Amino acid sequence: MRDYVLHRPGAAEFLESYHRLLSLVVDGYRREGKRYMTIAIGCTGGKHRSVAIAEALMGLLRSDQQLSVRALHRDLGRE
């Protein structure tokens, strides 16, 4: 499912734009001495699109920002 979501038209552009924005925000948080941030990503069902996007962003932020990143997928396991 991850590959399906991430290869849809517009997905790469969305990830790139969101990643750029979050990188700016992280830099600002660091300058202000803030130690944590909460980012929420949602979609209609919360089991496919939002999970794939959140996991991809988490990987990007971990690699280039050297952050400790944790994901909580609220709706996984709910019926």
C-alpha atoms as a PDB file:
ATOM      1  CA  MET A   1       0.000   0.000   0.000  1.00  0.00           C
ATOM      2  CA  ARG A   2       2.884   2.371   0.794  1.00  0.00           C
ATOM      3  CA  ASP A   3       4.294   2.187  -2.737  1.00  0.00           C
ATOM      4  CA  TYR A   4       0.834   2.672  -4.232  1.00  0.00           C
ATOM      5  CA  VAL A   5       0.255   5.835  -2.170  1.00  0.00           C
ATOM      6  CA  LEU A   6       3.718   7.295  -2.694  1.00  0.00           C
ATOM      7  CA  HIS A   7       3.643   6.738  -6.459  1.00  0.00           C
ATOM      8  CA  ARG A   8       0.301   8.464  -7.028  1.00  0.00           C
ATOM      9  CA  PRO A   9       0.366  11.677  -9.078  1.00  0.00           C
ATOM     10  CA  GLY A  10       1.324  14.605  -6.873  1.00  0.00           C
ATOM     11  CA  ALA A  11       2.610  12.518  -3.957  1.00  0.00           C
ATOM     12  CA  ALA A  12       6.301  13.277  -4.532  1.00  0.00           C
ATOM     13  CA  GLU A  13       5.610  17.004  -4.936  1.00  0.00           C
ATOM     14  CA  PHE A  14       3.494  17.013  -1.778  1.00  0.00           C
ATOM     15  CA  LEU A  15       6.208  15.250   0.234  1.00  0.00           C
ATOM     16  CA  GLU A  16       8.913  17.566  -1.076  1.00  0.00           C
ATOM     17  CA  SER A  17       6.895  20.705  -0.273  1.00  0.00           C
ATOM     18  CA  TYR A  18       5.835  19.508   3.168  1.00  0.00           C
ATOM     19  CA  HIS A  19       9.385  18.414   3.969  1.00  0.00           C
ATOM     20  CA  ARG A  20      10.761  21.833   2.967  1.00  0.00           C
ATOM     21  CA  LEU A  21       8.189  23.569   5.149  1.00  0.00           C
ATOM     22  CA  LEU A  22       8.847  21.320   8.143  1.00  0.00           C
ATOM     23  CA  SER A  23      12.596  21.850   7.799  1.00  0.00           C
ATOM     24  CA  LEU A  24      12.057  25.614   8.122  1.00  0.00           C
ATOM     25  CA  VAL A  25       9.801  25.112  11.130  1.00  0.00           C
ATOM     26  CA  VAL A  26      12.314  22.770  12.808  1.00  0.00           C
ATOM     27  CA  ASP A  27      15.074  25.347  12.327  1.00  0.00           C
ATOM     28  CA  GLY A  28      12.887  27.981  13.981  1.00  0.00           C
ATOM     29  CA  TYR A  29      12.039  25.689  16.880  1.00  0.00           C
ATOM     30  CA  ARG A  30      15.715  24.979  17.448  1.00  0.00           C
ATOM     31  CA  ARG A  31      16.583  28.694  17.448  1.00  0.00           C
ATOM     32  CA  GLU A  32      13.881  29.277  20.062  1.00  0.00           C
ATOM     33  CA  GLY A  33      15.153  26.409  22.223  1.00  0.00           C
ATOM     34  CA  LYS A  34      12.025  24.313  21.846  1.00  0.00           C
ATOM     35  CA  ARG A  35      12.528  20.613  22.436  1.00  0.00           C
ATOM     36  CA  TYR A  36       9.513  18.942  20.846  1.00  0.00           C
ATOM     37  CA  MET A  37       6.905  19.389  18.156  1.00  0.00           C
ATOM     38  CA  THR A  38       3.695  17.567  17.304  1.00  0.00           C
ATOM     39  CA  ILE A  39       2.793  17.087  13.650  1.00  0.00           C
ATOM     40  CA  ALA A  40      -0.528  15.539  12.654  1.00  0.00           C
ATOM     41  CA  ILE A  41      -1.353  14.114   9.252  1.00  0.00           C
ATOM     42  CA  GLY A  42      -4.809  12.848   8.466  1.00  0.00           C
ATOM     43  CA  CYS A  43      -6.909  11.432   5.683  1.00  0.00           C
ATOM     44  CA  THR A  44     -10.393   9.995   5.369  1.00  0.00           C
ATOM     45  CA  GLY A  45      -9.698   6.593   6.918  1.00  0.00           C
ATOM     46  CA  GLY A  46      -6.358   7.063   8.652  1.00  0.00           C
ATOM     47  CA  LYS A  47      -5.029   3.677   7.581  1.00  0.00           C
ATOM     48  CA  HIS A  48      -3.334   4.092   4.204  1.00  0.00           C
ATOM     49  CA  ARG A  49      -2.590   7.564   2.833  1.00  0.00           C
ATOM     50  CA  SER A  50      -1.819   9.326   6.099  1.00  0.00           C
ATOM     51  CA  VAL A  51       0.264   6.397   7.360  1.00  0.00           C
ATOM     52  CA  ALA A  52       2.355   6.258   4.176  1.00  0.00           C
ATOM     53  CA  ILE A  53       2.910  10.032   4.124  1.00  0.00           C
ATOM     54  CA  ALA A  54       3.717  10.194   7.851  1.00  0.00           C
ATOM     55  CA  GLU A  55       6.238   7.358   7.596  1.00  0.00           C
ATOM     56  CA  ALA A  56       7.909   8.922   4.544  1.00  0.00           C
ATOM     57  CA  LEU A  57       8.165  12.333   6.248  1.00  0.00           C
ATOM     58  CA  MET A  58       9.485  10.693   9.380  1.00  0.00           C
ATOM     59  CA  GLY A  59      12.294   9.101   7.390  1.00  0.00           C
ATOM     60  CA  LEU A  60      13.164  12.385   5.675  1.00  0.00           C
ATOM     61  CA  LEU A  61      13.240  14.338   8.930  1.00  0.00           C
ATOM     62  CA  ARG A  62      15.324  11.708  10.682  1.00  0.00           C
ATOM     63  CA  SER A  63      17.911  11.651   7.920  1.00  0.00           C
ATOM     64  CA  ASP A  64      18.464  15.326   7.157  1.00  0.00           C
ATOM     65  CA  GLN A  65      17.524  17.003  10.434  1.00  0.00           C
ATOM     66  CA  GLN A  66      19.046  14.354  12.734  1.00  0.00           C
ATOM     67  CA  LEU A  67      15.893  14.300  14.820  1.00  0.00           C
ATOM     68  CA  SER A  68      14.436  11.767  17.168  1.00  0.00           C
ATOM     69  CA  VAL A  69      11.070  11.132  15.522  1.00  0.00           C
ATOM     70  CA  ARG A  70       8.221   8.972  16.779  1.00  0.00           C
ATOM     71  CA  ALA A  71       4.989   8.068  15.001  1.00  0.00           C
ATOM     72  CA  LEU A  72       1.641   7.225  16.517  1.00  0.00           C
ATOM     73  CA  HIS A  73      -0.892   5.999  13.982  1.00  0.00           C
ATOM     74  CA  ARG A  74      -4.082   6.628  15.904  1.00  0.00           C
ATOM     75  CA  ASP A  75      -6.519   4.827  13.627  1.00  0.00           C
ATOM     76  CA  LEU A  76      -4.525   1.708  12.749  1.00  0.00           C
ATOM     77  CA  GLY A  77      -6.258  -1.282  14.305  1.00  0.00           C
ATOM     78  CA  ARG A  78      -9.627   0.460  14.563  1.00  0.00           C
ATOM     79  CA  GLU A  79     -12.522  -0.912  12.623  1.00  0.00           C
END
